[in-house]
Amino acid sequence: MIPPIANYFGVSIDELFGYDNERSKKVDVLAEKIREMNRQNNGADVSMDACIALAREALIEFPGNEKLTLALASALFNAGYVRRGEHHIENADGYSVYDTETHRKYPEWQEAIKLYEKLLLSLPAGVLRQQAVLELSQLYKNTGEQEKALALAESAPEIDASRAFLRINAFDGKDAVAACGEALLETVQKSAVLMIRIVLNDHTIAPALAADLLNNAEGLFEQICPDHGYGRQFGLLSCLQMLRSYYLWRAGEKDGAFAALDKALDYAAQLDRLPESTEEFYTSPLLQYVRLHADLVPEGSAFRRELSELWPWWDVPGREDVRAEMQADPRWAAWVGRTDPRGK
């Protein structure tokens, strides 16, 4: 009689017995644990096997759960990068393109694509669907499925109908100013990433000019944060300066390359110190009502110690050759020594 009774009241059997709330809580705890483990594998395989195993075990306990399925897909998405890397080749026109033949062989990405595609059949509009669309779109690009990526893009809203911009219409007065600041910060961050991508993908840009363009990308943040209180953006700026050091070295500006590395180290150190900050908001006039969210940087973060292994963060032509040349310079060893705060 239990299924007909549950059906009569329009609830699940778990809800009928009062189990649904406990079930949801356990799913949320598991999903957050998987996401946190996944975040720890930031550019390097720290605990990818354990993360994926936990996600699979969770889905055995809660088969078909969308949150846990997305957590597994996202872990597999990340695993492809940290285990096998993102590879590029140069086409006949001198532009960088993805090595899709290599990427298609990644079992993690192939499984992730199937999970994302299944999720999009049922996930409602919201944060989870946005994450699935974003990560699936990237995997389509990685594996040469541009038409599928374009179909996802065409189904998305225009920029001014994005979450960041629509939030502005949900507030007035001081709250609206805060929402504008949040949208501004996100727009600048996305714009800087676009500038980086253009430099990375267009190999017709000379190294010296590429270094200048990356400096301009950093300048976008200086325009909205003249006090240099960049918050969590210190991470992106650190990676940007590492990439800039690569182009400066290729341009023959060896002193400039190591100056960029020192700047990358300074930004990484400031990111690591962010959890100690007592500031609740950014200190720039344009962002003074935007929350800093320093708590999102893990306590004991040691990004600066990873810089030498992560250099130059992105996959670039002749990366290992340039790295070997820079390592032959005694300044490289001195810089690596400064990346470890335990040595002080």
C-alpha atoms as a PDB file:
ATOM      1  CA  MET A   1       0.000   0.000   0.000  1.00  0.00           C
ATOM      2  CA  ILE A   2       2.941   2.381   0.499  1.00  0.00           C
ATOM      3  CA  PRO A   3       3.564   3.365  -3.170  1.00  0.00           C
ATOM      4  CA  PRO A   4      -0.138   4.162  -3.852  1.00  0.00           C
ATOM      5  CA  ILE A   5      -0.325   6.277  -0.669  1.00  0.00           C
ATOM      6  CA  ALA A   6       2.807   8.220  -1.646  1.00  0.00           C
ATOM      7  CA  ASN A   7       1.424   8.664  -5.153  1.00  0.00           C
ATOM      8  CA  TYR A   8      -1.936   9.866  -3.788  1.00  0.00           C
ATOM      9  CA  PHE A   9      -0.241  12.646  -1.802  1.00  0.00           C
ATOM     10  CA  GLY A  10       2.188  13.465  -4.617  1.00  0.00           C
ATOM     11  CA  VAL A  11       5.338  12.755  -2.556  1.00  0.00           C
ATOM     12  CA  SER A  12       8.191  10.274  -2.670  1.00  0.00           C
ATOM     13  CA  ILE A  13       8.293   7.275  -0.342  1.00  0.00           C
ATOM     14  CA  ASP A  14      11.260   8.891   1.445  1.00  0.00           C
ATOM     15  CA  GLU A  15       9.180  12.033   2.027  1.00  0.00           C
ATOM     16  CA  LEU A  16       6.258   9.954   3.252  1.00  0.00           C
ATOM     17  CA  PHE A  17       8.456   8.506   5.985  1.00  0.00           C
ATOM     18  CA  GLY A  18      10.231  11.782   6.716  1.00  0.00           C
ATOM     19  CA  TYR A  19      13.560  10.613   5.292  1.00  0.00           C
ATOM     20  CA  ASP A  20      13.875  13.101   2.451  1.00  0.00           C
ATOM     21  CA  ASN A  21      15.338  15.921   4.514  1.00  0.00           C
ATOM     22  CA  GLU A  22      18.054  13.695   5.958  1.00  0.00           C
ATOM     23  CA  ARG A  23      18.774  12.288   2.520  1.00  0.00           C
ATOM     24  CA  SER A  24      19.159  15.787   1.058  1.00  0.00           C
ATOM     25  CA  LYS A  25      21.486  16.817   3.861  1.00  0.00           C
ATOM     26  CA  LYS A  26      23.723  13.808   3.302  1.00  0.00           C
ATOM     27  CA  VAL A  27      23.810  14.427  -0.457  1.00  0.00           C
ATOM     28  CA  ASP A  28      24.771  18.066   0.123  1.00  0.00           C
ATOM     29  CA  VAL A  29      27.562  17.056   2.520  1.00  0.00           C
ATOM     30  CA  LEU A  30      28.932  14.485   0.066  1.00  0.00           C
ATOM     31  CA  ALA A  31      28.703  16.848  -2.911  1.00  0.00           C
ATOM     32  CA  GLU A  32      30.543  19.601  -1.032  1.00  0.00           C
ATOM     33  CA  LYS A  33      33.247  17.164   0.103  1.00  0.00           C
ATOM     34  CA  ILE A  34      33.784  16.015  -3.485  1.00  0.00           C
ATOM     35  CA  ARG A  35      33.902  19.615  -4.717  1.00  0.00           C
ATOM     36  CA  GLU A  36      36.420  20.548  -2.020  1.00  0.00           C
ATOM     37  CA  MET A  37      38.649  17.576  -2.886  1.00  0.00           C
ATOM     38  CA  ASN A  38      38.385  18.526  -6.540  1.00  0.00           C
ATOM     39  CA  ARG A  39      39.460  22.107  -5.774  1.00  0.00           C
ATOM     40  CA  GLN A  40      42.568  20.785  -4.038  1.00  0.00           C
ATOM     41  CA  ASN A  41      43.708  19.340  -7.366  1.00  0.00           C
ATOM     42  CA  ASN A  42      44.386  22.807  -8.747  1.00  0.00           C
ATOM     43  CA  GLY A  43      46.841  22.294 -11.582  1.00  0.00           C
ATOM     44  CA  ALA A  44      48.387  19.190 -10.003  1.00  0.00           C
ATOM     45  CA  ASP A  45      47.134  15.690  -9.190  1.00  0.00           C
ATOM     46  CA  VAL A  46      46.956  15.743  -5.403  1.00  0.00           C
ATOM     47  CA  SER A  47      44.055  13.401  -4.675  1.00  0.00           C
ATOM     48  CA  MET A  48      42.234  12.875  -7.970  1.00  0.00           C
ATOM     49  CA  ASP A  49      41.790   9.100  -7.528  1.00  0.00           C
ATOM     50  CA  ALA A  50      40.288   9.519  -4.059  1.00  0.00           C
ATOM     51  CA  CYS A  51      38.016  12.321  -5.252  1.00  0.00           C
ATOM     52  CA  ILE A  52      36.612  10.300  -8.148  1.00  0.00           C
ATOM     53  CA  ALA A  53      36.271   7.187  -5.997  1.00  0.00           C
ATOM     54  CA  LEU A  54      34.270   9.128  -3.405  1.00  0.00           C
ATOM     55  CA  ALA A  55      31.958  10.460  -6.120  1.00  0.00           C
ATOM     56  CA  ARG A  56      31.357   6.962  -7.504  1.00  0.00           C
ATOM     57  CA  GLU A  57      30.665   5.566  -4.038  1.00  0.00           C
ATOM     58  CA  ALA A  58      28.219   8.389  -3.354  1.00  0.00           C
ATOM     59  CA  LEU A  59      26.336   7.608  -6.554  1.00  0.00           C
ATOM     60  CA  ILE A  60      26.068   3.956  -5.539  1.00  0.00           C
ATOM     61  CA  GLU A  61      24.332   5.115  -2.374  1.00  0.00           C
ATOM     62  CA  PHE A  62      22.259   7.767  -4.189  1.00  0.00           C
ATOM     63  CA  PRO A  63      21.952   6.530  -7.789  1.00  0.00           C
ATOM     64  CA  GLY A  64      21.043   9.151 -10.366  1.00  0.00           C
ATOM     65  CA  ASN A  65      21.331  12.093  -7.974  1.00  0.00           C
ATOM     66  CA  GLU A  66      21.992  15.193 -10.087  1.00  0.00           C
ATOM     67  CA  LYS A  67      24.244  16.996  -7.587  1.00  0.00           C
ATOM     68  CA  LEU A  68      26.472  13.964  -7.156  1.00  0.00           C
ATOM     69  CA  THR A  69      26.483  13.210 -10.890  1.00  0.00           C
ATOM     70  CA  LEU A  70      27.616  16.775 -11.567  1.00  0.00           C
ATOM     71  CA  ALA A  71      30.277  16.463  -8.868  1.00  0.00           C
ATOM     72  CA  LEU A  72      31.617  13.319 -10.556  1.00  0.00           C
ATOM     73  CA  ALA A  73      31.519  14.913 -14.012  1.00  0.00           C
ATOM     74  CA  SER A  74      33.378  17.963 -12.732  1.00  0.00           C
ATOM     75  CA  ALA A  75      36.009  15.780 -11.062  1.00  0.00           C
ATOM     76  CA  LEU A  76      36.526  13.890 -14.329  1.00  0.00           C
ATOM     77  CA  PHE A  77      36.698  17.231 -16.166  1.00  0.00           C
ATOM     78  CA  ASN A  78      39.505  18.335 -13.860  1.00  0.00           C
ATOM     79  CA  ALA A  79      41.216  14.937 -13.920  1.00  0.00           C
ATOM     80  CA  GLY A  80      41.805  15.165 -17.661  1.00  0.00           C
ATOM     81  CA  TYR A  81      43.735  18.387 -17.152  1.00  0.00           C
ATOM     82  CA  VAL A  82      45.833  17.409 -14.143  1.00  0.00           C
ATOM     83  CA  ARG A  83      46.576  13.861 -15.294  1.00  0.00           C
ATOM     84  CA  ARG A  84      47.128  14.358 -19.023  1.00  0.00           C
ATOM     85  CA  GLY A  85      47.236  18.082 -19.704  1.00  0.00           C
ATOM     86  CA  GLU A  86      45.796  20.397 -22.326  1.00  0.00           C
ATOM     87  CA  HIS A  87      47.653  20.192 -25.630  1.00  0.00           C
ATOM     88  CA  HIS A  88      47.841  22.615 -28.535  1.00  0.00           C
ATOM     89  CA  ILE A  89      49.256  22.538 -32.022  1.00  0.00           C
ATOM     90  CA  GLU A  90      49.906  25.327 -34.501  1.00  0.00           C
ATOM     91  CA  ASN A  91      47.859  25.315 -37.688  1.00  0.00           C
ATOM     92  CA  ALA A  92      49.029  26.399 -41.141  1.00  0.00           C
ATOM     93  CA  ASP A  93      48.031  30.026 -40.455  1.00  0.00           C
ATOM     94  CA  GLY A  94      50.155  30.241 -37.324  1.00  0.00           C
ATOM     95  CA  TYR A  95      47.272  30.077 -34.859  1.00  0.00           C
ATOM     96  CA  SER A  96      47.185  27.860 -31.808  1.00  0.00           C
ATOM     97  CA  VAL A  97      44.455  25.212 -31.950  1.00  0.00           C
ATOM     98  CA  TYR A  98      43.550  22.399 -29.614  1.00  0.00           C
ATOM     99  CA  ASP A  99      45.086  18.978 -30.231  1.00  0.00           C
ATOM    100  CA  THR A 100      41.665  17.392 -30.437  1.00  0.00           C
ATOM    101  CA  GLU A 101      42.973  14.008 -31.600  1.00  0.00           C
ATOM    102  CA  THR A 102      44.953  13.672 -28.375  1.00  0.00           C
ATOM    103  CA  HIS A 103      42.134  15.000 -26.221  1.00  0.00           C
ATOM    104  CA  ARG A 104      39.586  12.555 -27.635  1.00  0.00           C
ATOM    105  CA  LYS A 105      41.642   9.728 -26.136  1.00  0.00           C
ATOM    106  CA  TYR A 106      41.141  10.951 -22.571  1.00  0.00           C
ATOM    107  CA  PRO A 107      38.755   8.478 -20.900  1.00  0.00           C
ATOM    108  CA  GLU A 108      38.002  11.010 -18.134  1.00  0.00           C
ATOM    109  CA  TRP A 109      36.742  13.581 -20.640  1.00  0.00           C
ATOM    110  CA  GLN A 110      34.742  11.076 -22.649  1.00  0.00           C
ATOM    111  CA  GLU A 111      32.940   9.882 -19.529  1.00  0.00           C
ATOM    112  CA  ALA A 112      32.425  13.449 -18.321  1.00  0.00           C
ATOM    113  CA  ILE A 113      30.826  14.464 -21.650  1.00  0.00           C
ATOM    114  CA  LYS A 114      28.281  11.643 -21.376  1.00  0.00           C
ATOM    115  CA  LEU A 115      27.435  12.629 -17.793  1.00  0.00           C
ATOM    116  CA  TYR A 116      27.002  16.309 -18.670  1.00  0.00           C
ATOM    117  CA  GLU A 117      24.833  15.514 -21.690  1.00  0.00           C
ATOM    118  CA  LYS A 118      22.609  13.294 -19.557  1.00  0.00           C
ATOM    119  CA  LEU A 119      22.353  15.970 -16.860  1.00  0.00           C
ATOM    120  CA  LEU A 120      21.262  18.661 -19.321  1.00  0.00           C
ATOM    121  CA  LEU A 121      18.224  16.566 -20.203  1.00  0.00           C
ATOM    122  CA  SER A 122      16.805  17.129 -16.724  1.00  0.00           C
ATOM    123  CA  LEU A 123      18.690  19.882 -14.862  1.00  0.00           C
ATOM    124  CA  PRO A 124      16.514  22.984 -14.405  1.00  0.00           C
ATOM    125  CA  ALA A 125      17.826  26.516 -14.915  1.00  0.00           C
ATOM    126  CA  GLY A 126      20.137  27.527 -12.113  1.00  0.00           C
ATOM    127  CA  VAL A 127      23.695  27.287 -10.814  1.00  0.00           C
ATOM    128  CA  LEU A 128      24.089  23.541 -11.397  1.00  0.00           C
ATOM    129  CA  ARG A 129      22.939  23.773 -15.006  1.00  0.00           C
ATOM    130  CA  GLN A 130      25.232  26.759 -15.622  1.00  0.00           C
ATOM    131  CA  GLN A 131      28.202  24.797 -14.333  1.00  0.00           C
ATOM    132  CA  ALA A 132      27.298  21.800 -16.500  1.00  0.00           C
ATOM    133  CA  VAL A 133      26.920  23.960 -19.620  1.00  0.00           C
ATOM    134  CA  LEU A 134      30.198  25.805 -19.017  1.00  0.00           C
ATOM    135  CA  GLU A 135      32.284  22.699 -18.418  1.00  0.00           C
ATOM    136  CA  LEU A 136      30.645  20.679 -21.202  1.00  0.00           C
ATOM    137  CA  SER A 137      31.194  23.542 -23.660  1.00  0.00           C
ATOM    138  CA  GLN A 138      34.916  23.521 -22.825  1.00  0.00           C
ATOM    139  CA  LEU A 139      35.114  19.752 -23.316  1.00  0.00           C
ATOM    140  CA  TYR A 140      33.375  20.064 -26.683  1.00  0.00           C
ATOM    141  CA  LYS A 141      36.099  22.524 -27.695  1.00  0.00           C
ATOM    142  CA  ASN A 142      38.857  20.319 -26.325  1.00  0.00           C
ATOM    143  CA  THR A 143      37.630  17.330 -28.310  1.00  0.00           C
ATOM    144  CA  GLY A 144      36.746  19.135 -31.552  1.00  0.00           C
ATOM    145  CA  GLU A 145      32.948  19.172 -31.173  1.00  0.00           C
ATOM    146  CA  GLN A 146      32.614  22.844 -32.163  1.00  0.00           C
ATOM    147  CA  GLU A 147      29.075  22.493 -33.529  1.00  0.00           C
ATOM    148  CA  LYS A 148      27.832  21.119 -30.219  1.00  0.00           C
ATOM    149  CA  ALA A 149      29.647  23.897 -28.368  1.00  0.00           C
ATOM    150  CA  LEU A 150      28.011  26.472 -30.636  1.00  0.00           C
ATOM    151  CA  ALA A 151      24.578  24.955 -30.013  1.00  0.00           C
ATOM    152  CA  LEU A 152      25.118  25.390 -26.269  1.00  0.00           C
ATOM    153  CA  ALA A 153      26.240  28.978 -26.813  1.00  0.00           C
ATOM    154  CA  GLU A 154      23.190  29.826 -28.919  1.00  0.00           C
ATOM    155  CA  SER A 155      20.907  28.612 -26.145  1.00  0.00           C
ATOM    156  CA  ALA A 156      22.502  30.959 -23.593  1.00  0.00           C
ATOM    157  CA  PRO A 157      21.361  34.558 -22.893  1.00  0.00           C
ATOM    158  CA  GLU A 158      23.173  37.728 -23.969  1.00  0.00           C
ATOM    159  CA  ILE A 159      25.750  39.258 -21.613  1.00  0.00           C
ATOM    160  CA  ASP A 160      23.321  41.840 -20.219  1.00  0.00           C
ATOM    161  CA  ALA A 161      20.948  39.020 -19.307  1.00  0.00           C
ATOM    162  CA  SER A 162      23.605  37.149 -17.347  1.00  0.00           C
ATOM    163  CA  ARG A 163      23.318  36.551 -13.622  1.00  0.00           C
ATOM    164  CA  ALA A 164      25.820  39.285 -12.736  1.00  0.00           C
ATOM    165  CA  PHE A 165      23.970  41.952 -14.718  1.00  0.00           C
ATOM    166  CA  LEU A 166      20.437  40.859 -13.827  1.00  0.00           C
ATOM    167  CA  ARG A 167      21.335  41.035 -10.133  1.00  0.00           C
ATOM    168  CA  ILE A 168      21.688  44.805 -10.544  1.00  0.00           C
ATOM    169  CA  ASN A 169      17.955  45.018 -11.299  1.00  0.00           C
ATOM    170  CA  ALA A 170      17.148  43.146  -8.102  1.00  0.00           C
ATOM    171  CA  PHE A 171      18.454  45.971  -5.886  1.00  0.00           C
ATOM    172  CA  ASP A 172      18.339  49.716  -5.421  1.00  0.00           C
ATOM    173  CA  GLY A 173      20.452  52.310  -3.664  1.00  0.00           C
ATOM    174  CA  LYS A 174      23.594  51.016  -1.947  1.00  0.00           C
ATOM    175  CA  ASP A 175      22.740  47.400  -2.764  1.00  0.00           C
ATOM    176  CA  ALA A 176      22.519  48.275  -6.466  1.00  0.00           C
ATOM    177  CA  VAL A 177      25.961  49.916  -6.250  1.00  0.00           C
ATOM    178  CA  ALA A 178      27.292  46.701  -4.698  1.00  0.00           C
ATOM    179  CA  ALA A 179      25.732  44.623  -7.479  1.00  0.00           C
ATOM    180  CA  CYS A 180      27.272  46.950 -10.099  1.00  0.00           C
ATOM    181  CA  GLY A 181      30.658  46.506  -8.431  1.00  0.00           C
ATOM    182  CA  GLU A 182      30.314  42.730  -8.511  1.00  0.00           C
ATOM    183  CA  ALA A 183      29.395  42.830 -12.203  1.00  0.00           C
ATOM    184  CA  LEU A 184      32.293  45.186 -12.913  1.00  0.00           C
ATOM    185  CA  LEU A 185      34.812  42.931 -11.160  1.00  0.00           C
ATOM    186  CA  GLU A 186      33.537  39.861 -12.988  1.00  0.00           C
ATOM    187  CA  THR A 187      33.570  41.702 -16.323  1.00  0.00           C
ATOM    188  CA  VAL A 188      37.170  42.852 -15.834  1.00  0.00           C
ATOM    189  CA  GLN A 189      38.252  39.346 -14.839  1.00  0.00           C
ATOM    190  CA  LYS A 190      36.581  37.822 -17.909  1.00  0.00           C
ATOM    191  CA  SER A 191      38.033  40.569 -20.155  1.00  0.00           C
ATOM    192  CA  ALA A 192      41.554  39.889 -18.868  1.00  0.00           C
ATOM    193  CA  VAL A 193      41.124  36.173 -19.536  1.00  0.00           C
ATOM    194  CA  LEU A 194      39.970  36.951 -23.083  1.00  0.00           C
ATOM    195  CA  MET A 195      43.090  39.070 -23.657  1.00  0.00           C
ATOM    196  CA  ILE A 196      45.220  36.189 -22.389  1.00  0.00           C
ATOM    197  CA  ARG A 197      43.467  33.741 -24.697  1.00  0.00           C
ATOM    198  CA  ILE A 198      44.021  35.960 -27.738  1.00  0.00           C
ATOM    199  CA  VAL A 199      47.730  36.215 -26.942  1.00  0.00           C
ATOM    200  CA  LEU A 200      47.964  32.450 -26.406  1.00  0.00           C
ATOM    201  CA  ASN A 201      46.083  31.498 -29.554  1.00  0.00           C
ATOM    202  CA  ASP A 202      47.484  34.010 -32.034  1.00  0.00           C
ATOM    203  CA  HIS A 203      51.085  33.011 -32.646  1.00  0.00           C
ATOM    204  CA  THR A 204      51.482  35.848 -35.167  1.00  0.00           C
ATOM    205  CA  ILE A 205      51.779  38.269 -32.215  1.00  0.00           C
ATOM    206  CA  ALA A 206      55.467  38.948 -31.549  1.00  0.00           C
ATOM    207  CA  PRO A 207      56.689  37.986 -28.043  1.00  0.00           C
ATOM    208  CA  ALA A 208      57.514  41.590 -27.044  1.00  0.00           C
ATOM    209  CA  LEU A 209      54.042  42.755 -28.055  1.00  0.00           C
ATOM    210  CA  ALA A 210      52.465  39.760 -26.286  1.00  0.00           C
ATOM    211  CA  ALA A 211      54.237  40.784 -23.062  1.00  0.00           C
ATOM    212  CA  ASP A 212      52.917  44.342 -23.462  1.00  0.00           C
ATOM    213  CA  LEU A 213      49.375  43.104 -24.060  1.00  0.00           C
ATOM    214  CA  LEU A 214      49.512  40.961 -20.934  1.00  0.00           C
ATOM    215  CA  ASN A 215      50.682  44.007 -19.007  1.00  0.00           C
ATOM    216  CA  ASN A 216      47.620  45.832 -20.347  1.00  0.00           C
ATOM    217  CA  ALA A 217      45.430  42.962 -19.133  1.00  0.00           C
ATOM    218  CA  GLU A 218      46.809  43.493 -15.647  1.00  0.00           C
ATOM    219  CA  GLY A 219      46.149  47.193 -16.085  1.00  0.00           C
ATOM    220  CA  LEU A 220      42.411  46.495 -16.307  1.00  0.00           C
ATOM    221  CA  PHE A 221      42.469  45.496 -12.640  1.00  0.00           C
ATOM    222  CA  GLU A 222      44.519  48.544 -11.710  1.00  0.00           C
ATOM    223  CA  GLN A 223      41.814  50.750 -13.195  1.00  0.00           C
ATOM    224  CA  ILE A 224      39.188  49.440 -10.804  1.00  0.00           C
ATOM    225  CA  CYS A 225      41.578  48.723  -7.899  1.00  0.00           C
ATOM    226  CA  PRO A 226      44.065  51.620  -7.876  1.00  0.00           C
ATOM    227  CA  ASP A 227      45.006  50.628  -4.316  1.00  0.00           C
ATOM    228  CA  HIS A 228      46.139  47.210  -5.641  1.00  0.00           C
ATOM    229  CA  GLY A 229      43.765  45.407  -3.291  1.00  0.00           C
ATOM    230  CA  TYR A 230      42.948  42.684  -5.792  1.00  0.00           C
ATOM    231  CA  GLY A 231      41.526  40.072  -3.432  1.00  0.00           C
ATOM    232  CA  ARG A 232      41.196  36.600  -4.955  1.00  0.00           C
ATOM    233  CA  GLN A 233      42.281  38.031  -8.317  1.00  0.00           C
ATOM    234  CA  PHE A 234      45.851  37.892  -6.982  1.00  0.00           C
ATOM    235  CA  GLY A 235      45.841  34.281  -8.231  1.00  0.00           C
ATOM    236  CA  LEU A 236      45.023  35.199 -11.828  1.00  0.00           C
ATOM    237  CA  LEU A 237      47.497  38.090 -11.760  1.00  0.00           C
ATOM    238  CA  SER A 238      50.236  35.787 -10.491  1.00  0.00           C
ATOM    239  CA  CYS A 239      49.638  33.363 -13.367  1.00  0.00           C
ATOM    240  CA  LEU A 240      49.460  36.254 -15.832  1.00  0.00           C
ATOM    241  CA  GLN A 241      52.899  37.484 -14.746  1.00  0.00           C
ATOM    242  CA  MET A 242      54.372  33.987 -15.064  1.00  0.00           C
ATOM    243  CA  LEU A 243      53.068  33.849 -18.627  1.00  0.00           C
ATOM    244  CA  ARG A 244      54.444  37.337 -19.241  1.00  0.00           C
ATOM    245  CA  SER A 245      57.884  36.159 -18.094  1.00  0.00           C
ATOM    246  CA  TYR A 246      57.790  33.512 -20.836  1.00  0.00           C
ATOM    247  CA  TYR A 247      57.131  36.088 -23.560  1.00  0.00           C
ATOM    248  CA  LEU A 248      59.689  38.521 -22.157  1.00  0.00           C
ATOM    249  CA  TRP A 249      62.328  35.795 -22.187  1.00  0.00           C
ATOM    250  CA  ARG A 250      61.492  34.932 -25.785  1.00  0.00           C
ATOM    251  CA  ALA A 251      61.773  38.631 -26.643  1.00  0.00           C
ATOM    252  CA  GLY A 252      65.302  38.680 -25.220  1.00  0.00           C
ATOM    253  CA  GLU A 253      64.311  40.768 -22.190  1.00  0.00           C
ATOM    254  CA  LYS A 254      65.827  38.484 -19.584  1.00  0.00           C
ATOM    255  CA  ASP A 255      65.880  41.046 -16.785  1.00  0.00           C
ATOM    256  CA  GLY A 256      62.218  41.803 -17.478  1.00  0.00           C
ATOM    257  CA  ALA A 257      61.390  38.096 -17.397  1.00  0.00           C
ATOM    258  CA  PHE A 258      62.730  37.720 -13.870  1.00  0.00           C
ATOM    259  CA  ALA A 259      61.093  40.978 -12.787  1.00  0.00           C
ATOM    260  CA  ALA A 260      57.794  39.442 -13.950  1.00  0.00           C
ATOM    261  CA  LEU A 261      58.539  36.285 -11.947  1.00  0.00           C
ATOM    262  CA  ASP A 262      59.171  38.395  -8.851  1.00  0.00           C
ATOM    263  CA  LYS A 263      55.843  40.117  -9.410  1.00  0.00           C
ATOM    264  CA  ALA A 264      54.133  36.748  -9.797  1.00  0.00           C
ATOM    265  CA  LEU A 265      55.660  35.664  -6.500  1.00  0.00           C
ATOM    266  CA  ASP A 266      54.467  38.833  -4.750  1.00  0.00           C
ATOM    267  CA  TYR A 267      50.901  38.313  -6.003  1.00  0.00           C
ATOM    268  CA  ALA A 268      50.930  34.640  -4.974  1.00  0.00           C
ATOM    269  CA  ALA A 269      52.178  35.551  -1.490  1.00  0.00           C
ATOM    270  CA  GLN A 270      49.380  38.100  -1.127  1.00  0.00           C
ATOM    271  CA  LEU A 271      46.849  35.469  -2.178  1.00  0.00           C
ATOM    272  CA  ASP A 272      48.238  33.085   0.458  1.00  0.00           C
ATOM    273  CA  ARG A 273      47.878  35.791   3.115  1.00  0.00           C
ATOM    274  CA  LEU A 274      44.321  36.648   2.133  1.00  0.00           C
ATOM    275  CA  PRO A 275      42.657  34.304   4.699  1.00  0.00           C
ATOM    276  CA  GLU A 276      44.370  36.386   7.418  1.00  0.00           C
ATOM    277  CA  SER A 277      42.699  39.572   6.191  1.00  0.00           C
ATOM    278  CA  THR A 278      40.259  41.338   8.529  1.00  0.00           C
ATOM    279  CA  GLU A 279      38.767  43.298   5.625  1.00  0.00           C
ATOM    280  CA  GLU A 280      35.227  42.287   4.719  1.00  0.00           C
ATOM    281  CA  PHE A 281      35.024  44.383   1.562  1.00  0.00           C
ATOM    282  CA  TYR A 282      37.348  45.569  -1.191  1.00  0.00           C
ATOM    283  CA  THR A 283      38.963  48.918  -0.383  1.00  0.00           C
ATOM    284  CA  SER A 284      38.732  50.425  -3.893  1.00  0.00           C
ATOM    285  CA  PRO A 285      36.033  53.158  -4.216  1.00  0.00           C
ATOM    286  CA  LEU A 286      34.422  51.315  -7.126  1.00  0.00           C
ATOM    287  CA  LEU A 287      34.270  48.042  -5.195  1.00  0.00           C
ATOM    288  CA  GLN A 288      33.875  49.234  -1.617  1.00  0.00           C
ATOM    289  CA  TYR A 289      30.541  47.437  -1.214  1.00  0.00           C
ATOM    290  CA  VAL A 290      31.746  44.202  -2.854  1.00  0.00           C
ATOM    291  CA  ARG A 291      32.541  41.446  -0.372  1.00  0.00           C
ATOM    292  CA  LEU A 292      36.108  40.192  -0.420  1.00  0.00           C
ATOM    293  CA  HIS A 293      35.190  36.560   0.417  1.00  0.00           C
ATOM    294  CA  ALA A 294      38.684  35.887   1.741  1.00  0.00           C
ATOM    295  CA  ASP A 295      37.260  32.742   3.338  1.00  0.00           C
ATOM    296  CA  LEU A 296      37.106  31.141  -0.112  1.00  0.00           C
ATOM    297  CA  VAL A 297      40.905  30.945  -0.106  1.00  0.00           C
ATOM    298  CA  PRO A 298      41.745  27.867   2.016  1.00  0.00           C
ATOM    299  CA  GLU A 299      43.548  28.437   5.294  1.00  0.00           C
ATOM    300  CA  GLY A 300      47.196  27.551   4.964  1.00  0.00           C
ATOM    301  CA  SER A 301      47.116  28.149   1.209  1.00  0.00           C
ATOM    302  CA  ALA A 302      50.586  27.790  -0.304  1.00  0.00           C
ATOM    303  CA  PHE A 303      50.104  28.815  -3.910  1.00  0.00           C
ATOM    304  CA  ARG A 304      53.503  30.519  -3.939  1.00  0.00           C
ATOM    305  CA  ARG A 305      55.247  27.194  -3.292  1.00  0.00           C
ATOM    306  CA  GLU A 306      53.689  25.756  -6.448  1.00  0.00           C
ATOM    307  CA  LEU A 307      54.776  28.528  -8.825  1.00  0.00           C
ATOM    308  CA  SER A 308      57.928  26.894 -10.175  1.00  0.00           C
ATOM    309  CA  GLU A 309      56.034  23.680 -10.952  1.00  0.00           C
ATOM    310  CA  LEU A 310      53.101  25.517 -12.511  1.00  0.00           C
ATOM    311  CA  TRP A 311      55.178  27.932 -14.615  1.00  0.00           C
ATOM    312  CA  PRO A 312      53.976  29.436 -16.926  1.00  0.00           C
ATOM    313  CA  TRP A 313      50.511  28.000 -16.086  1.00  0.00           C
ATOM    314  CA  TRP A 314      49.361  27.777 -19.730  1.00  0.00           C
ATOM    315  CA  ASP A 315      50.622  25.392 -22.399  1.00  0.00           C
ATOM    316  CA  VAL A 316      52.744  27.490 -24.780  1.00  0.00           C
ATOM    317  CA  PRO A 317      55.042  26.662 -27.725  1.00  0.00           C
ATOM    318  CA  GLY A 318      58.557  25.648 -26.710  1.00  0.00           C
ATOM    319  CA  ARG A 319      57.613  25.724 -23.064  1.00  0.00           C
ATOM    320  CA  GLU A 320      60.205  23.185 -21.919  1.00  0.00           C
ATOM    321  CA  ASP A 321      62.978  24.747 -23.986  1.00  0.00           C
ATOM    322  CA  VAL A 322      62.325  28.192 -22.524  1.00  0.00           C
ATOM    323  CA  ARG A 323      62.065  26.704 -19.052  1.00  0.00           C
ATOM    324  CA  ALA A 324      65.435  24.987 -19.468  1.00  0.00           C
ATOM    325  CA  GLU A 325      67.037  28.240 -20.600  1.00  0.00           C
ATOM    326  CA  MET A 326      65.599  30.142 -17.641  1.00  0.00           C
ATOM    327  CA  GLN A 327      66.661  27.416 -15.208  1.00  0.00           C
ATOM    328  CA  ALA A 328      70.205  27.750 -16.480  1.00  0.00           C
ATOM    329  CA  ASP A 329      70.176  31.346 -15.251  1.00  0.00           C
ATOM    330  CA  PRO A 330      71.201  31.470 -11.548  1.00  0.00           C
ATOM    331  CA  ARG A 331      68.326  33.853 -10.886  1.00  0.00           C
ATOM    332  CA  TRP A 332      65.869  30.988 -11.414  1.00  0.00           C
ATOM    333  CA  ALA A 333      67.206  29.008  -8.445  1.00  0.00           C
ATOM    334  CA  ALA A 334      67.137  32.163  -6.321  1.00  0.00           C
ATOM    335  CA  TRP A 335      63.530  32.795  -7.338  1.00  0.00           C
ATOM    336  CA  VAL A 336      62.501  29.214  -6.570  1.00  0.00           C
ATOM    337  CA  GLY A 337      64.105  29.577  -3.150  1.00  0.00           C
ATOM    338  CA  ARG A 338      61.946  32.608  -2.440  1.00  0.00           C
ATOM    339  CA  THR A 339      58.743  30.780  -3.397  1.00  0.00           C
ATOM    340  CA  ASP A 340      58.904  28.662  -0.254  1.00  0.00           C
ATOM    341  CA  PRO A 341      57.968  30.765   2.792  1.00  0.00           C
ATOM    342  CA  ARG A 342      59.223  27.949   5.036  1.00  0.00           C
ATOM    343  CA  GLY A 343      62.736  28.864   3.981  1.00  0.00           C
ATOM    344  CA  LYS A 344      62.448  32.260   5.673  1.00  0.00           C
END
